[in-house]
């Protein structure tokens, strides 16, 4: 069982990305009220996947999850959603880097990744203004912490159950 979870075989990776992207699409419909309508539980599968399966699966799923949320909200920020999807790839990578290289990495990584993602609106404020960034931050911070904490809890539970995944 563990060898399937750790498999780097292309077919297994594609199937894993498809399954977890489907979960991200489902999460994209679980919205946290926000000014843009694009704050949701779409990144949980990406955060989980980067911990359980590695960078490729995690970043691809996180980016596609954001695109799904943007799509079902009508792309309110236009082309910026592509940049935000790239930003999500960075946020998930911070979780994995912290987990791999820091003591108490999962706890520290959860805080770093969720805070980085939650404050992400400020990085894009030159495009859509400081007012929207300020208005967006509370809902984005809540969603970020919910996504990362749930992903970390699920990962830790599965890891304990199956051994070192």
Foldseek 3Di string as FASTA:
>chain_A
DVCLQADPDPVSLVVLLVVLLVVLLVQLVAFQDAPQQQQTLNLLSLLLCCQRHNLVSNLSSQLSSSVSNCVVSVVSLPPCSNVLSVVSSVLSVQLNCQLPPPVVSNVVSLVSSLVSQLQVLVVCCVPVHPVRSVRGNVSSSVSSNVSSVVSSVVNVVVCVVPPHD
